[in-house]
Amino acid sequence: MIKATPAPPSSSDTDLLLVERTVAGDQKAFELLVIKYQRRIERLIGRMVRDVDLVEDIAQETFIRAYRALAQFRGDAQFYTWLYRIAVNTAKKALMDLKRDPLVSESALRGSGDDEDETSAVENELTSSETPETVLAAKEIAAAVNAAMEALPDELRQAVTLREIEGLSYEEISEVMNCPIGTVRSRIFRAREAISAKVKPMLENQSGKRW
């Protein structure tokens, strides 16, 4: 009789195990959680603040707060959803302390280093067959998207960033932003409409467009 191969543990199961080990006093377990999510948390914060010098400090404060509150984590939500909520609140507090408004920075949207995310991947799609005019148009449209996102109210920008760039579900965004799913859907719809209103005329004006 052939025994069925047990399914590998899911990411959420692994996270919960690491949380339990950390609470039990295993410092290395928390270090693994930091390594796993540090880049994603820094990217999220980088899209909320314009000053790139603040990103690392806010990320560090996020993990410190998470560590202190870890005993309160019950596993009702995904660990990274819980962590994202702490990151968003920590970034908001830091910016309020500095009396600055959260803004999406163009450099943060482009991504950084060798960690290629969705945005940088789009930018790298350009091929040698494309004309300078097409390349320029693509850059202008990307800039228009960035500008449109910068102009969004804070709650709309956060919602659409978590959905379109971080890939969170509506339920997860609801947990992160501490609001009903209906509100999340409304904010994402309004954000998409605002961005589309800025970008659509540019797309319609492109001749021989590949969009």
Protein backbone atom coordinates (compact mmCIF):
# COMPACT_ATOMS: atom_id res chain seq x y z
CA MET A 1 0.00 0.00 0.00
CA ILE A 2 1.40 3.35 -1.10
CA LYS A 3 1.27 6.02 1.54
CA ALA A 4 0.15 9.46 0.47
CA THR A 5 2.85 12.08 0.66
CA PRO A 6 1.86 14.66 3.26
CA ALA A 7 1.26 18.12 1.85
CA PRO A 8 3.96 20.66 2.67
CA PRO A 9 2.97 23.18 5.33
CA SER A 10 1.43 26.37 3.96
CA SER A 11 3.09 29.73 4.40
CA SER A 12 0.49 30.70 7.02
CA ASP A 13 1.12 27.49 8.97
CA THR A 14 4.85 28.14 8.86
CA ASP A 15 4.34 31.72 10.05
CA LEU A 16 2.14 30.59 12.93
CA LEU A 17 4.75 28.03 13.97
CA LEU A 18 7.47 30.71 13.92
CA VAL A 19 5.26 33.02 15.97
CA GLU A 20 4.67 30.28 18.55
CA ARG A 21 8.40 29.55 18.73
CA THR A 22 9.17 33.25 19.17
CA VAL A 23 6.66 33.62 21.99
CA ALA A 24 8.25 30.56 23.60
CA GLY A 25 11.59 32.39 23.58
CA ASP A 26 13.20 31.36 20.28
CA GLN A 27 14.78 34.59 19.01
CA LYS A 28 15.94 32.92 15.78
CA ALA A 29 12.33 32.19 14.84
CA PHE A 30 11.47 35.89 14.80
CA GLU A 31 14.60 36.64 12.79
CA LEU A 32 13.26 34.26 10.13
CA LEU A 33 9.99 36.22 10.02
CA VAL A 34 11.92 39.47 9.63
CA ILE A 35 14.00 38.02 6.79
CA LYS A 36 10.85 36.71 5.08
CA TYR A 37 8.88 39.97 5.16
CA GLN A 38 11.42 42.79 5.47
CA ARG A 39 11.59 43.64 1.77
CA ARG A 40 7.80 43.59 1.35
CA ILE A 41 7.30 45.79 4.40
CA GLU A 42 9.95 48.24 3.20
CA ARG A 43 8.30 48.42 -0.24
CA LEU A 44 4.92 49.08 1.35
CA ILE A 45 6.33 51.85 3.53
CA GLY A 46 8.29 53.22 0.58
CA ARG A 47 5.00 53.78 -1.24
CA MET A 48 3.60 55.70 1.71
CA VAL A 49 6.47 58.11 2.37
CA ARG A 50 8.44 60.35 0.07
CA ASP A 51 11.60 60.45 2.19
CA VAL A 52 13.47 57.22 1.41
CA ASP A 53 15.68 57.82 4.45
CA LEU A 54 12.68 57.15 6.67
CA VAL A 55 11.78 53.78 5.17
CA GLU A 56 14.35 51.65 6.99
CA ASP A 57 13.67 53.34 10.34
CA ILE A 58 9.91 52.88 10.01
CA ALA A 59 10.37 49.24 8.94
CA GLN A 60 12.57 48.62 11.96
CA GLU A 61 10.01 50.23 14.25
CA THR A 62 7.32 48.06 12.63
CA PHE A 63 9.15 44.87 13.51
CA ILE A 64 9.90 46.10 17.04
CA ARG A 65 6.19 46.80 17.57
CA ALA A 66 5.26 43.44 16.06
CA TYR A 67 7.71 41.64 18.35
CA ARG A 68 6.30 43.37 21.44
CA ALA A 69 2.73 42.55 20.42
CA LEU A 70 3.42 39.02 19.19
CA ALA A 71 1.82 37.36 22.21
CA GLN A 72 -1.45 39.04 21.17
CA PHE A 73 -1.40 37.43 17.72
CA ARG A 74 -4.05 34.69 17.75
CA GLY A 75 -3.82 33.47 14.18
CA ASP A 76 -7.30 34.72 13.27
CA ALA A 77 -5.73 36.62 10.36
CA GLN A 78 -2.71 35.84 8.21
CA PHE A 79 0.50 36.90 9.93
CA TYR A 80 1.60 39.16 7.07
CA THR A 81 -1.83 40.85 7.07
CA TRP A 82 -1.40 41.55 10.78
CA LEU A 83 2.15 42.78 10.11
CA TYR A 84 1.00 45.03 7.24
CA ARG A 85 -1.52 46.66 9.56
CA ILE A 86 1.24 47.45 12.04
CA ALA A 87 3.43 48.82 9.21
CA VAL A 88 0.66 51.10 7.92
CA ASN A 89 -0.09 52.42 11.41
CA THR A 90 3.60 52.90 12.21
CA ALA A 91 4.18 54.82 8.98
CA LYS A 92 1.13 57.01 9.63
CA LYS A 93 2.32 57.78 13.15
CA ALA A 94 5.85 58.61 11.97
CA LEU A 95 4.51 60.97 9.33
CA MET A 96 2.09 62.61 11.75
CA ASP A 97 4.95 63.14 14.18
CA LEU A 98 6.85 64.88 11.41
CA LYS A 99 3.69 66.73 10.35
CA ARG A 100 3.96 65.31 6.85
CA ASP A 101 1.37 63.69 4.65
CA PRO A 102 1.82 60.18 3.23
CA LEU A 103 2.78 60.38 -0.44
CA VAL A 104 3.72 57.81 -3.00
CA SER A 105 7.27 58.41 -4.18
CA GLU A 106 8.14 57.78 -7.80
CA SER A 107 11.40 56.07 -6.84
CA ALA A 108 9.57 53.73 -4.48
CA LEU A 109 7.06 52.79 -7.18
CA ARG A 110 9.92 51.92 -9.49
CA GLY A 111 11.28 49.49 -6.92
CA SER A 112 14.89 49.22 -5.85
CA GLY A 113 17.92 46.99 -5.98
CA ASP A 114 17.78 43.50 -7.37
CA ASP A 115 14.35 42.73 -5.95
CA GLU A 116 12.30 43.15 -9.10
CA ASP A 117 8.64 43.70 -8.30
CA GLU A 118 5.64 44.20 -10.53
CA THR A 119 6.41 47.81 -11.32
CA SER A 120 10.04 47.32 -12.30
CA ALA A 121 9.07 44.27 -14.34
CA VAL A 122 6.72 46.42 -16.42
CA GLU A 123 9.48 48.92 -17.04
CA ASN A 124 11.79 46.16 -18.21
CA GLU A 125 9.32 44.95 -20.84
CA LEU A 126 10.71 47.40 -23.41
CA THR A 127 12.30 45.61 -26.34
CA SER A 128 14.80 46.67 -28.96
CA SER A 129 12.04 46.74 -31.59
CA GLU A 130 10.33 49.65 -29.88
CA THR A 131 10.89 53.15 -31.10
CA PRO A 132 12.21 56.03 -28.97
CA GLU A 133 8.76 57.57 -29.27
CA THR A 134 7.13 54.47 -27.77
CA VAL A 135 9.69 54.34 -24.97
CA LEU A 136 9.08 58.01 -24.20
CA ALA A 137 5.31 57.51 -24.24
CA ALA A 138 5.61 54.59 -21.82
CA LYS A 139 7.68 56.70 -19.44
CA GLU A 140 5.23 59.58 -19.68
CA ILE A 141 2.31 57.28 -18.91
CA ALA A 142 4.18 55.73 -15.96
CA ALA A 143 4.86 59.23 -14.65
CA ALA A 144 1.18 60.10 -15.08
CA VAL A 145 0.17 57.02 -13.08
CA ASN A 146 2.60 58.00 -10.31
CA ALA A 147 1.28 61.56 -10.28
CA ALA A 148 -2.31 60.34 -10.21
CA MET A 149 -1.54 58.09 -7.24
CA GLU A 150 0.22 60.94 -5.42
CA ALA A 151 -2.91 63.06 -5.84
CA LEU A 152 -5.18 60.42 -4.28
CA PRO A 153 -6.43 60.84 -0.72
CA ASP A 154 -4.45 58.74 1.74
CA GLU A 155 -7.09 56.03 2.25
CA LEU A 156 -7.62 55.54 -1.51
CA ARG A 157 -3.88 55.35 -2.20
CA GLN A 158 -3.32 52.78 0.53
CA ALA A 159 -6.21 50.61 -0.65
CA VAL A 160 -5.19 50.53 -4.31
CA THR A 161 -1.52 50.00 -3.41
CA LEU A 162 -2.32 47.01 -1.20
CA ARG A 163 -4.56 45.54 -3.92
CA GLU A 164 -2.72 46.25 -7.17
CA ILE A 165 0.91 46.25 -6.05
CA GLU A 166 1.02 44.07 -2.94
CA GLY A 167 -1.65 41.68 -4.22
CA LEU A 168 -3.70 41.46 -1.03
CA SER A 169 -7.30 40.22 -1.17
CA TYR A 170 -10.21 42.48 -0.30
CA GLU A 171 -10.60 40.60 2.99
CA GLU A 172 -6.93 41.14 3.86
CA ILE A 173 -7.08 44.83 2.96
CA SER A 174 -10.17 45.12 5.15
CA GLU A 175 -8.13 43.74 8.07
CA VAL A 176 -5.09 45.92 7.34
CA MET A 177 -7.11 49.13 7.01
CA ASN A 178 -9.61 48.18 9.72
CA CYS A 179 -12.69 48.93 7.65
CA PRO A 180 -15.55 46.92 6.05
CA ILE A 181 -14.95 45.09 2.77
CA GLY A 182 -17.57 47.30 1.11
CA THR A 183 -15.52 50.35 2.01
CA VAL A 184 -12.39 48.70 0.61
CA ARG A 185 -14.14 47.98 -2.70
CA SER A 186 -15.41 51.55 -2.88
CA ARG A 187 -11.97 53.02 -2.20
CA ILE A 188 -10.28 50.82 -4.81
CA PHE A 189 -12.98 51.64 -7.39
CA ARG A 190 -12.64 55.38 -6.75
CA ALA A 191 -8.84 55.15 -6.92
CA ARG A 192 -8.95 53.26 -10.22
CA GLU A 193 -11.42 55.77 -11.66
CA ALA A 194 -9.22 58.71 -10.64
CA ILE A 195 -6.08 57.13 -12.11
CA SER A 196 -7.93 56.14 -15.28
CA ALA A 197 -9.22 59.70 -15.75
CA LYS A 198 -5.63 60.96 -15.75
CA VAL A 199 -4.12 58.24 -17.94
CA LYS A 200 -6.89 57.40 -20.44
CA PRO A 201 -6.51 60.61 -22.52
CA MET A 202 -2.79 59.87 -22.92
CA LEU A 203 -3.52 56.33 -24.11
CA GLU A 204 -6.13 57.56 -26.59
CA ASN A 205 -3.66 60.08 -28.03
CA GLN A 206 -1.02 57.45 -28.76
CA SER A 207 -0.84 56.45 -32.42
CA GLY A 208 0.03 52.86 -33.14
CA LYS A 209 -0.33 52.09 -29.46
CA ARG A 210 0.44 48.61 -28.10
CA TRP A 211 -1.74 48.91 -24.97
